Amino acid sequence: MPEIRVIEPIIFAPAEKLRVCAYARVSSDSTDQRNSFASQVNYYTKYIQAHEGWTFVDIYADQGITGTSALKRDEFLRLMRDCRQGKIDRILVKSVSRFARNAQDCIEAVRELRQLGVTVYFEKEHINTASMSNEMFLSMMSAFAQEESISISKNMRKGAVMRMKNGTFRLSQAPYGYYLDEKGILIVQQEEAKIVQRIFGDFLSGMGIQEIAAELQKEHIPKLNGEPIWSYTGILYILTNERYIGDELFQKRYTTDTLPFQKKINRGQKKQYYAEDTHDPIISREVFRKAQELLKRKSERHGHQNNGQYPFTSLIVCDECGTNFCRRIAKNQRVLWTCRKHFKGKHLCSMESLNETEIQRYFLTLYKKLAENRQEILGSYLRQLEELKDKDFMAHPDAMELNRQIAGLLEQNHTLHRLRAKECIDSAFFIAQSNELGQKISNLKAELKQYRNLNEYADFIDNTRLILTILDSPMPVFSASVFRNIVSRITVTHETLRFQLVNGLELEEERISGG
């Protein structure tokens, strides 16, 4: 007979109470939404505590958050952390749109929660993830919620634009020097207004922007957020803000139409609306106009280009670490070019900074030497290149003509810079003519490309001829246009500046100690 062994039944312990929490969210800070927020918190607190089989864990509630991205919701992130730590069994949510208006965030969160053994119940849609056989229905509801969010956002933006058009738009935050009254009107904050007036006065009296920021910080004058931390960018923002003359330019930034919503600077993508005399000014229109003119002159004097680049941008390389140099303003308002690694820490790279005026001087010295010895240096180099080139190749006559035209336009550009340096022409005329000449040169260079031979030496030959033609004109003052047409890179060593020309030649200028 086989031996029979009795297996006693398992006695299950009474089921523990379900640990339940709720997640609530409202999308703005309006009074109605604040009431809705309080109502949700009160409702879920009483609702959970009323169930005998449930243990109340917490109410996770985000207030005044748009909800289109989970990364912006601190309470939602806290909820997920607590779920990962095994503190929660079930989450109650009013609707899918309250949980997440971004479909991807919603699905990913629910998937993770199911793996953690946490269920979510959406009241409005009657969705319980514990009994959900697949994600199709939830995906559909999430997509609907996302579209609803996009639609609401578009409607809100349309409403804002309408208020901009009719002059009833109100700011959500006042700039430094003002505060908002109960109607959303900008009211002058007298103590801060004195600082704004001081900033404009100091700037027009000759102080640099960085110097102004340093003085305010040194005196521990509080900024908008209460901290005495002033920066170049902050001072520049004040100097260019039209609100200080009582006007308002609306839609300086705009929000993208698709998720994830992003704020971007309006560079002509959207209409802007300018309203005059919307509030009391802090400075006069004349003072503001003079400040803008001075900012423009400083920009031109420092060689800032219309494409947002400076003459040496991306062209200066550190020989020690191979990193590009970046432009910065020193405390004494000198413009310096510094190795990026050296700027982060001297232990990373020991290469010293270069004064921008010194780089210009080194180039002017190089230009003068080339001009005086162009036949010995460039003429000889050109002959070597042509000997290496296919003997049957002859430069296209049209290409020669284009080179002559480019050289002529560059000569006009030299003249324009000389006239501006002597203040014989105003800024507006200088910028207009410089832009026009620059565009013509670019067009001619593009046309020149079609005549270039595929031979590997053709570009070097063309560029050498162009340099020779440019050198026929004297250059008493630094010209960014000439520099860019001659130099392709500057390699900085501790002893020299090594200029690589566009024709492949490399020439060195010895660094002067202290330069």
Protein backbone atom coordinates (compact mmCIF):
# COMPACT_ATOMS: atom_id res chain seq x y z
CA MET A 1 0.00 0.00 0.00
CA PRO A 2 1.35 3.47 -0.87
CA GLU A 3 1.99 5.76 2.03
CA ILE A 4 -0.52 8.57 2.22
CA ARG A 5 0.62 11.96 3.51
CA VAL A 6 -1.96 14.53 4.52
CA ILE A 7 -1.34 18.12 3.32
CA GLU A 8 -3.05 20.53 5.66
CA PRO A 9 -4.97 23.46 4.10
CA ILE A 10 -3.30 26.84 4.06
CA ILE A 11 -4.90 29.25 6.48
CA PHE A 12 -4.84 32.68 4.83
CA ALA A 13 -4.40 35.70 7.01
CA PRO A 14 -7.15 38.30 6.79
CA ALA A 15 -6.58 40.58 3.84
CA GLU A 16 -4.74 43.75 4.75
CA LYS A 17 -6.38 47.04 4.04
CA LEU A 18 -5.75 48.57 0.62
CA ARG A 19 -3.44 51.57 0.79
CA VAL A 20 -5.19 54.23 -1.26
CA CYS A 21 -4.27 57.76 -2.31
CA ALA A 22 -5.63 60.32 -4.75
CA TYR A 23 -4.04 62.57 -7.33
CA ALA A 24 -5.61 65.96 -8.08
CA ARG A 25 -4.59 68.79 -10.36
CA VAL A 26 -5.92 72.12 -11.60
CA SER A 27 -4.44 74.03 -14.51
CA SER A 28 -4.29 77.64 -13.39
CA ASP A 29 -4.21 79.92 -10.37
CA SER A 30 -7.57 81.57 -10.99
CA THR A 31 -10.07 81.79 -8.11
CA ASP A 32 -12.45 79.27 -9.73
CA GLN A 33 -9.66 76.77 -10.22
CA ARG A 34 -8.42 77.24 -6.65
CA ASN A 35 -11.91 76.39 -5.43
CA SER A 36 -11.90 73.31 -7.69
CA PHE A 37 -8.53 72.33 -6.29
CA ALA A 38 -9.74 72.57 -2.67
CA SER A 39 -12.90 70.67 -3.57
CA GLN A 40 -10.92 67.78 -5.07
CA VAL A 41 -8.67 67.52 -2.01
CA ASN A 42 -11.63 67.57 0.43
CA TYR A 43 -13.64 65.12 -1.65
CA TYR A 44 -10.92 62.47 -1.93
CA THR A 45 -9.86 62.78 1.70
CA LYS A 46 -13.41 62.06 2.92
CA TYR A 47 -14.04 59.45 0.19
CA ILE A 48 -10.99 57.33 1.04
CA GLN A 49 -11.44 57.59 4.78
CA ALA A 50 -15.08 56.46 4.45
CA HIS A 51 -14.06 52.99 3.10
CA GLU A 52 -13.36 50.47 5.85
CA GLY A 53 -11.14 48.33 3.62
CA TRP A 54 -8.97 51.25 2.68
CA THR A 55 -6.13 52.99 4.45
CA PHE A 56 -5.70 56.66 3.63
CA VAL A 57 -2.13 57.34 2.42
CA ASP A 58 -2.04 60.90 1.12
CA ILE A 59 -3.45 63.41 -1.35
CA TYR A 60 -0.96 64.32 -4.09
CA ALA A 61 -2.04 67.63 -5.57
CA ASP A 62 -0.43 69.89 -8.16
CA GLN A 63 -1.80 73.41 -8.27
CA GLY A 64 -1.40 75.97 -11.04
CA ILE A 65 0.44 73.57 -13.39
CA THR A 66 -0.43 73.09 -17.08
CA GLY A 67 0.00 69.35 -16.89
CA THR A 68 1.23 68.78 -20.45
CA SER A 69 4.53 67.38 -19.17
CA ALA A 70 5.04 65.17 -16.13
CA LEU A 71 8.43 66.78 -15.47
CA LYS A 72 6.75 70.02 -14.36
CA ARG A 73 4.55 68.35 -11.71
CA ASP A 74 6.35 67.94 -8.38
CA GLU A 75 3.47 66.13 -6.65
CA PHE A 76 3.02 63.70 -9.54
CA LEU A 77 6.72 62.87 -9.35
CA ARG A 78 6.43 62.40 -5.56
CA LEU A 79 3.49 60.07 -6.14
CA MET A 80 5.54 57.93 -8.55
CA ARG A 81 8.46 57.81 -6.07
CA ASP A 82 6.15 56.60 -3.27
CA CYS A 83 4.71 53.93 -5.57
CA ARG A 84 8.20 52.67 -6.37
CA GLN A 85 8.91 52.47 -2.64
CA GLY A 86 5.85 50.23 -2.13
CA LYS A 87 3.76 52.70 -0.13
CA ILE A 88 0.64 52.66 -2.36
CA ASP A 89 -1.76 50.03 -3.75
CA ARG A 90 -4.35 52.17 -5.55
CA ILE A 91 -4.56 55.69 -6.97
CA LEU A 92 -7.85 57.56 -7.47
CA VAL A 93 -8.02 60.22 -10.20
CA LYS A 94 -10.95 62.34 -11.36
CA SER A 95 -10.22 61.78 -15.07
CA VAL A 96 -7.52 60.82 -17.55
CA SER A 97 -6.99 64.50 -18.39
CA ARG A 98 -6.27 65.24 -14.70
CA PHE A 99 -3.68 62.44 -14.62
CA ALA A 100 -1.85 63.42 -17.81
CA ARG A 101 -2.76 65.35 -20.94
CA ASN A 102 0.27 63.93 -22.68
CA ALA A 103 -0.74 60.49 -24.00
CA GLN A 104 2.81 59.13 -23.92
CA ASP A 105 3.31 60.15 -20.27
CA CYS A 106 -0.03 58.58 -19.32
CA ILE A 107 0.62 55.21 -20.94
CA GLU A 108 4.19 54.99 -19.64
CA ALA A 109 3.09 55.84 -16.08
CA VAL A 110 0.24 53.30 -16.09
CA ARG A 111 2.53 50.57 -17.47
CA GLU A 112 5.09 51.20 -14.74
CA LEU A 113 2.41 51.29 -12.03
CA ARG A 114 0.95 47.96 -13.21
CA GLN A 115 4.41 46.40 -12.99
CA LEU A 116 4.68 47.76 -9.45
CA GLY A 117 1.28 46.26 -8.58
CA VAL A 118 -0.39 49.66 -8.27
CA THR A 119 -3.79 50.18 -9.88
CA VAL A 120 -5.32 53.44 -11.05
CA TYR A 121 -9.05 54.22 -11.13
CA PHE A 122 -10.24 57.03 -13.40
CA GLU A 123 -13.69 58.08 -12.13
CA LYS A 124 -15.04 59.98 -15.12
CA GLU A 125 -14.17 57.28 -17.68
CA HIS A 126 -14.83 54.35 -15.23
CA ILE A 127 -11.43 52.88 -16.10
CA ASN A 128 -9.82 50.54 -13.58
CA THR A 129 -6.36 49.46 -14.69
CA ALA A 130 -6.65 46.37 -12.46
CA SER A 131 -9.31 44.87 -14.74
CA MET A 132 -8.03 46.28 -18.02
CA SER A 133 -7.27 43.50 -20.53
CA ASN A 134 -5.38 45.79 -22.89
CA GLU A 135 -4.28 49.40 -23.18
CA MET A 136 -6.28 50.29 -26.29
CA PHE A 137 -9.14 52.03 -24.48
CA LEU A 138 -6.80 53.92 -22.17
CA SER A 139 -4.66 54.94 -25.16
CA MET A 140 -7.77 56.33 -26.88
CA MET A 141 -8.85 58.25 -23.79
CA SER A 142 -5.32 59.61 -23.30
CA ALA A 143 -5.20 60.73 -26.91
CA PHE A 144 -8.57 62.47 -26.51
CA ALA A 145 -7.29 64.19 -23.36
CA GLN A 146 -4.15 65.29 -25.18
CA GLU A 147 -6.15 66.76 -28.06
CA GLU A 148 -8.38 68.50 -25.53
CA SER A 149 -5.28 70.02 -23.92
CA ILE A 150 -3.97 71.24 -27.29
CA SER A 151 -7.38 72.68 -28.16
CA ILE A 152 -7.67 74.46 -24.80
CA SER A 153 -4.15 75.84 -25.17
CA LYS A 154 -4.89 77.15 -28.69
CA ASN A 155 -8.11 78.78 -27.49
CA MET A 156 -6.27 80.42 -24.60
CA ARG A 157 -3.61 81.75 -26.98
CA LYS A 158 -6.30 83.07 -29.34
CA GLY A 159 -7.93 84.85 -26.41
CA ALA A 160 -4.58 86.33 -25.38
CA VAL A 161 -3.94 87.59 -28.92
CA MET A 162 -7.40 89.19 -29.03
CA ARG A 163 -6.64 91.01 -25.77
CA MET A 164 -3.31 92.14 -27.24
CA LYS A 165 -5.14 93.55 -30.27
CA ASN A 166 -7.69 95.52 -28.26
CA GLY A 167 -5.23 96.61 -25.57
CA THR A 168 -6.77 94.71 -22.66
CA PHE A 169 -3.98 92.13 -22.25
CA ARG A 170 -2.46 92.09 -18.77
CA LEU A 171 0.94 90.79 -17.69
CA SER A 172 1.19 87.98 -15.15
CA GLN A 173 4.38 89.43 -13.64
CA ALA A 174 5.62 92.98 -13.40
CA PRO A 175 9.14 93.89 -14.55
CA TYR A 176 11.66 95.33 -12.10
CA GLY A 177 10.54 98.85 -11.15
CA TYR A 178 6.82 98.09 -11.23
CA TYR A 179 4.14 96.07 -9.42
CA LEU A 180 0.70 94.97 -10.60
CA ASP A 181 -2.44 96.41 -9.02
CA GLU A 182 -5.69 94.46 -8.60
CA LYS A 183 -6.66 95.26 -12.21
CA GLY A 184 -3.33 94.08 -13.61
CA ILE A 185 -2.09 97.61 -14.38
CA LEU A 186 1.64 98.34 -13.99
CA ILE A 187 2.25 100.74 -11.10
CA VAL A 188 5.64 102.35 -10.47
CA GLN A 189 7.56 100.92 -7.48
CA GLN A 190 9.42 104.05 -6.42
CA GLU A 191 12.52 102.50 -4.83
CA GLU A 192 13.12 100.09 -7.73
CA ALA A 193 12.34 102.88 -10.23
CA LYS A 194 15.27 104.87 -8.84
CA ILE A 195 17.57 101.94 -9.63
CA VAL A 196 16.20 101.72 -13.20
CA GLN A 197 16.83 105.46 -13.66
CA ARG A 198 20.32 105.03 -12.23
CA ILE A 199 21.08 102.19 -14.68
CA PHE A 200 20.11 104.32 -17.69
CA GLY A 201 21.99 107.33 -16.29
CA ASP A 202 25.18 105.35 -15.59
CA PHE A 203 25.07 103.75 -19.04
CA LEU A 204 24.65 107.06 -20.87
CA SER A 205 27.43 108.60 -18.76
CA GLY A 206 29.90 106.03 -20.11
CA MET A 207 29.78 103.09 -17.68
CA GLY A 208 29.82 99.63 -19.25
CA ILE A 209 27.00 97.14 -18.72
CA GLN A 210 29.20 94.70 -16.81
CA GLU A 211 30.52 97.56 -14.66
CA ILE A 212 26.98 98.65 -13.78
CA ALA A 213 26.05 95.09 -12.79
CA ALA A 214 29.18 94.80 -10.63
CA GLU A 215 28.45 98.09 -8.83
CA LEU A 216 24.84 97.14 -8.03
CA GLN A 217 25.94 93.75 -6.75
CA LYS A 218 28.72 95.32 -4.69
CA GLU A 219 26.17 97.60 -3.01
CA HIS A 220 23.89 94.58 -2.31
CA ILE A 221 20.94 96.21 -4.07
CA PRO A 222 18.18 93.58 -4.31
CA LYS A 223 16.93 92.52 -7.73
CA LEU A 224 13.41 91.40 -8.70
CA ASN A 225 13.70 88.11 -6.81
CA GLY A 226 15.22 89.78 -3.74
CA GLU A 227 18.74 88.47 -4.39
CA PRO A 228 21.54 91.03 -5.00
CA ILE A 229 22.71 89.15 -8.09
CA TRP A 230 22.97 91.38 -11.16
CA SER A 231 24.27 90.19 -14.53
CA TYR A 232 25.18 91.59 -17.93
CA THR A 233 22.03 90.01 -19.38
CA GLY A 234 19.81 91.49 -16.65
CA ILE A 235 21.12 95.04 -17.16
CA LEU A 236 20.84 94.72 -20.95
CA TYR A 237 17.21 93.54 -20.56
CA ILE A 238 16.39 96.68 -18.56
CA LEU A 239 18.15 98.96 -21.06
CA THR A 240 16.14 97.50 -23.97
CA ASN A 241 12.74 97.11 -22.26
CA GLU A 242 10.15 99.47 -23.76
CA ARG A 243 7.95 99.15 -20.65
CA TYR A 244 10.13 101.72 -18.89
CA ILE A 245 8.83 104.43 -21.26
CA GLY A 246 5.19 103.47 -20.63
CA ASP A 247 4.74 101.29 -23.73
CA GLU A 248 4.25 97.55 -24.12
CA LEU A 249 5.36 95.20 -26.90
CA PHE A 250 3.27 92.05 -26.75
CA GLN A 251 4.21 88.53 -27.89
CA LYS A 252 7.97 88.87 -27.52
CA ARG A 253 7.80 85.13 -26.95
CA TYR A 254 5.31 82.59 -28.22
CA THR A 255 4.24 79.04 -27.33
CA THR A 256 4.52 76.25 -29.90
CA ASP A 257 1.28 74.67 -31.16
CA THR A 258 2.23 71.04 -30.54
CA LEU A 259 3.26 69.01 -27.53
CA PRO A 260 5.48 69.38 -25.71
CA PHE A 261 4.58 73.09 -25.54
CA GLN A 262 7.71 75.26 -25.59
CA LYS A 263 8.30 78.98 -25.12
CA LYS A 264 10.41 80.49 -27.91
CA ILE A 265 11.69 83.97 -28.73
CA ASN A 266 9.53 85.55 -31.42
CA ARG A 267 11.91 86.36 -34.27
CA GLY A 268 9.14 87.16 -36.73
CA GLN A 269 7.30 83.82 -36.59
CA LYS A 270 4.26 85.46 -34.95
CA LYS A 271 2.66 88.90 -35.09
CA GLN A 272 3.61 91.37 -32.39
CA TYR A 273 1.50 94.21 -31.00
CA TYR A 274 2.87 97.51 -29.74
CA ALA A 275 0.73 99.60 -27.39
CA GLU A 276 1.76 103.12 -26.36
CA ASP A 277 1.12 104.88 -23.05
CA THR A 278 -0.38 101.87 -21.28
CA HIS A 279 1.09 102.86 -17.90
CA ASP A 280 3.28 105.46 -16.19
CA PRO A 281 6.86 105.65 -17.49
CA ILE A 282 9.99 105.50 -15.35
CA ILE A 283 12.32 107.14 -17.90
CA SER A 284 11.73 109.56 -20.77
CA ARG A 285 11.50 108.53 -24.41
CA GLU A 286 14.53 110.69 -25.18
CA VAL A 287 16.68 108.89 -22.62
CA PHE A 288 15.52 105.51 -23.95
CA ARG A 289 16.25 106.54 -27.55
CA LYS A 290 19.78 107.66 -26.63
CA ALA A 291 20.40 104.38 -24.81
CA GLN A 292 19.37 102.37 -27.88
CA GLU A 293 21.64 104.45 -30.13
CA LEU A 294 24.58 103.95 -27.75
CA LEU A 295 23.94 100.19 -27.60
CA LYS A 296 23.96 100.06 -31.40
CA ARG A 297 27.22 102.03 -31.63
CA LYS A 298 28.89 99.77 -29.06
CA SER A 299 27.74 96.71 -30.99
CA GLU A 300 29.18 98.04 -34.25
CA ARG A 301 32.43 99.10 -32.59
CA HIS A 302 32.94 95.61 -31.21
CA GLY A 303 32.49 94.18 -34.67
CA HIS A 304 29.21 92.36 -34.07
CA GLN A 305 27.94 90.96 -37.35
CA ASN A 306 24.35 90.90 -38.63
CA ASN A 307 24.29 87.10 -38.57
CA GLY A 308 24.79 87.13 -34.80
CA GLN A 309 28.51 86.23 -35.00
CA TYR A 310 31.62 88.17 -34.08
CA PRO A 311 34.59 88.30 -36.52
CA PHE A 312 36.56 85.66 -34.60
CA THR A 313 33.68 83.33 -33.69
CA SER A 314 34.66 79.66 -34.21
CA LEU A 315 37.98 80.68 -35.83
CA ILE A 316 40.34 80.75 -32.82
CA VAL A 317 41.65 77.39 -31.57
CA CYS A 318 43.82 76.64 -28.54
CA ASP A 319 47.02 74.79 -29.44
CA GLU A 320 47.35 73.31 -25.94
CA CYS A 321 43.93 71.60 -25.60
CA GLY A 322 42.33 71.98 -29.05
CA THR A 323 39.31 73.89 -27.69
CA ASN A 324 37.75 76.90 -29.42
CA PHE A 325 38.07 80.35 -27.85
CA CYS A 326 34.94 82.17 -26.69
CA ARG A 327 34.24 85.89 -26.40
CA ARG A 328 33.63 87.52 -23.01
CA ILE A 329 33.58 90.96 -21.43
CA ALA A 330 36.06 91.58 -18.60
CA LYS A 331 35.23 93.74 -15.57
CA ASN A 332 37.16 96.66 -17.07
CA GLN A 333 34.98 96.32 -20.20
CA ARG A 334 37.84 94.89 -22.28
CA VAL A 335 36.68 92.34 -24.86
CA LEU A 336 38.64 89.12 -24.36
CA TRP A 337 38.85 85.83 -26.25
CA THR A 338 39.47 82.93 -23.89
CA CYS A 339 40.00 79.20 -24.29
CA ARG A 340 36.77 77.54 -23.12
CA LYS A 341 38.63 75.01 -20.95
CA HIS A 342 40.81 77.73 -19.42
CA PHE A 343 37.63 79.71 -18.65
CA LYS A 344 36.18 76.70 -16.79
CA GLY A 345 39.38 76.21 -14.81
CA LYS A 346 43.05 77.12 -15.16
CA HIS A 347 43.95 73.57 -14.16
CA LEU A 348 42.22 72.34 -17.35
CA CYS A 349 44.28 74.55 -19.68
CA SER A 350 46.95 77.18 -18.99
CA MET A 351 46.49 79.18 -22.21
CA GLU A 352 46.09 82.88 -21.42
CA SER A 353 43.31 85.07 -22.83
CA LEU A 354 43.78 87.45 -25.74
CA ASN A 355 42.50 91.00 -25.93
CA GLU A 356 40.31 91.43 -29.03
CA THR A 357 42.12 94.63 -30.03
CA GLU A 358 45.42 92.74 -29.85
CA ILE A 359 44.14 90.03 -32.21
CA GLN A 360 43.06 92.76 -34.60
CA ARG A 361 46.50 94.35 -34.33
CA TYR A 362 48.24 91.03 -35.02
CA PHE A 363 46.11 90.61 -38.14
CA LEU A 364 46.81 94.18 -39.31
CA THR A 365 50.55 93.49 -38.89
CA LEU A 366 50.21 90.26 -40.87
CA TYR A 367 48.20 92.06 -43.57
CA LYS A 368 50.89 94.76 -43.89
CA LYS A 369 53.69 92.19 -44.17
CA LEU A 370 51.77 90.24 -46.82
CA ALA A 371 51.01 93.41 -48.76
CA GLU A 372 54.66 94.49 -48.72
CA ASN A 373 55.98 91.03 -49.67
CA ARG A 374 53.06 89.64 -51.64
CA GLN A 375 55.08 88.64 -54.67
CA GLU A 376 57.80 86.94 -52.63
CA ILE A 377 55.31 85.07 -50.44
CA LEU A 378 52.04 84.71 -52.33
CA GLY A 379 53.42 85.05 -55.87
CA SER A 380 55.90 82.23 -55.26
CA TYR A 381 53.25 80.11 -53.56
CA LEU A 382 50.85 80.65 -56.46
CA ARG A 383 53.45 79.54 -59.00
CA GLN A 384 54.07 76.34 -57.03
CA LEU A 385 50.35 75.60 -56.96
CA GLU A 386 49.97 76.19 -60.67
CA GLU A 387 52.90 73.89 -61.43
CA LEU A 388 51.19 71.16 -59.42
CA LYS A 389 47.98 71.71 -61.27
CA ASP A 390 47.23 70.00 -64.53
CA LYS A 391 49.29 71.75 -67.24
CA ASP A 392 46.34 71.75 -69.65
CA PHE A 393 44.10 73.53 -67.16
CA MET A 394 43.54 77.23 -67.78
CA ALA A 395 41.52 79.38 -65.42
CA HIS A 396 38.12 80.28 -66.85
CA PRO A 397 38.08 83.98 -67.92
CA ASP A 398 34.68 84.47 -66.28
CA ALA A 399 36.12 83.28 -62.97
CA MET A 400 38.90 85.86 -63.27
CA GLU A 401 36.31 88.57 -63.84
CA LEU A 402 34.31 87.45 -60.82
CA ASN A 403 37.46 87.64 -58.68
CA ARG A 404 38.02 91.20 -59.89
CA GLN A 405 34.40 92.12 -59.05
CA ILE A 406 34.70 90.61 -55.55
CA ALA A 407 37.94 92.52 -54.97
CA GLY A 408 36.22 95.75 -56.08
CA LEU A 409 33.35 95.22 -53.65
CA LEU A 410 35.80 94.51 -50.84
CA GLU A 411 37.56 97.79 -51.64
CA GLN A 412 34.19 99.55 -51.31
CA ASN A 413 33.74 97.80 -47.98
CA HIS A 414 37.16 99.09 -46.81
CA THR A 415 36.13 102.63 -47.74
CA LEU A 416 32.82 102.22 -45.92
CA HIS A 417 34.60 101.09 -42.73
CA ARG A 418 37.04 103.99 -42.93
CA LEU A 419 34.19 106.51 -43.31
CA ARG A 420 32.33 104.97 -40.37
CA ALA A 421 35.48 105.00 -38.22
CA LYS A 422 35.81 108.75 -38.91
CA GLU A 423 32.03 109.18 -38.21
CA CYS A 424 31.50 110.61 -41.70
CA ILE A 425 28.39 108.46 -42.14
CA ASP A 426 25.66 107.50 -39.68
CA SER A 427 24.90 104.02 -38.36
CA ALA A 428 21.76 103.43 -40.44
CA PHE A 429 23.52 104.18 -43.75
CA PHE A 430 26.57 102.12 -42.72
CA ILE A 431 24.49 99.04 -41.84
CA ALA A 432 22.36 99.28 -45.00
CA GLN A 433 25.37 99.63 -47.31
CA SER A 434 27.39 96.97 -45.47
CA ASN A 435 24.50 94.50 -45.75
CA GLU A 436 24.10 95.23 -49.46
CA LEU A 437 27.83 94.79 -50.19
CA GLY A 438 27.94 91.61 -48.11
CA GLN A 439 25.05 90.12 -50.06
CA LYS A 440 26.67 91.00 -53.41
CA ILE A 441 29.97 89.40 -52.35
CA SER A 442 28.15 86.24 -51.23
CA ASN A 443 26.28 86.04 -54.56
CA LEU A 444 29.47 86.47 -56.58
CA LYS A 445 31.26 83.79 -54.53
CA ALA A 446 28.39 81.40 -55.14
CA GLU A 447 28.60 82.14 -58.87
CA LEU A 448 32.37 81.65 -58.79
CA LYS A 449 31.99 78.08 -57.55
CA GLN A 450 30.61 76.87 -60.89
CA TYR A 451 33.86 77.84 -62.63
CA ARG A 452 36.18 76.14 -60.18
CA ASN A 453 38.07 73.16 -61.51
CA LEU A 454 37.70 69.85 -59.68
CA ASN A 455 41.47 69.73 -59.33
CA GLU A 456 42.45 69.68 -55.64
CA TYR A 457 44.60 72.81 -56.04
CA ALA A 458 41.94 74.92 -57.77
CA ASP A 459 40.44 76.40 -54.58
CA PHE A 460 43.87 77.27 -53.22
CA ILE A 461 44.78 78.95 -56.49
CA ASP A 462 41.55 80.96 -56.65
CA ASN A 463 41.88 82.01 -53.02
CA THR A 464 45.53 83.01 -53.46
CA ARG A 465 44.58 85.21 -56.42
CA LEU A 466 41.75 86.72 -54.37
CA ILE A 467 44.14 87.49 -51.48
CA LEU A 468 46.60 89.11 -53.90
CA THR A 469 43.83 91.32 -55.28
CA ILE A 470 42.60 92.28 -51.80
CA LEU A 471 46.15 93.21 -50.74
CA ASP A 472 46.27 95.88 -53.43
CA SER A 473 44.14 98.05 -51.10
CA PRO A 474 45.59 99.46 -47.87
CA MET A 475 43.76 98.58 -44.63
CA PRO A 476 44.42 101.25 -41.95
CA VAL A 477 41.71 99.90 -39.61
CA PHE A 478 40.58 96.35 -38.91
CA SER A 479 37.87 95.10 -41.27
CA ALA A 480 35.89 92.00 -40.26
CA SER A 481 34.95 91.41 -43.90
CA VAL A 482 38.58 91.37 -45.07
CA PHE A 483 39.61 89.17 -42.16
CA ARG A 484 36.97 86.56 -42.96
CA ASN A 485 38.01 86.55 -46.64
CA ILE A 486 41.67 85.95 -45.85
CA VAL A 487 41.86 83.84 -42.65
CA SER A 488 40.24 80.44 -42.11
CA ARG A 489 41.66 79.75 -38.63
CA ILE A 490 43.92 81.13 -35.88
CA THR A 491 45.80 78.65 -33.71
CA VAL A 492 46.98 80.21 -30.45
CA THR A 493 50.14 78.95 -28.78
CA HIS A 494 51.89 80.39 -25.74
CA GLU A 495 54.41 82.15 -28.02
CA THR A 496 52.60 82.82 -31.31
CA LEU A 497 49.37 83.30 -33.22
CA ARG A 498 49.40 80.96 -36.21
CA PHE A 499 47.17 82.28 -39.00
CA GLN A 500 45.96 79.70 -41.51
CA LEU A 501 44.93 81.51 -44.68
CA VAL A 502 42.08 80.44 -46.93
CA ASN A 503 44.63 79.31 -49.54
CA GLY A 504 46.28 76.83 -47.15
CA LEU A 505 49.31 78.93 -46.19
CA GLU A 506 50.23 79.24 -42.51
CA LEU A 507 51.96 82.36 -41.18
CA GLU A 508 52.91 83.19 -37.59
CA GLU A 509 52.94 86.37 -35.54
CA GLU A 510 54.87 86.37 -32.29
CA ARG A 511 52.83 87.14 -29.18
CA ILE A 512 53.92 90.21 -27.28
CA SER A 513 54.17 89.70 -23.53
CA GLY A 514 51.17 91.25 -21.81
CA GLY A 515 49.17 91.34 -25.07
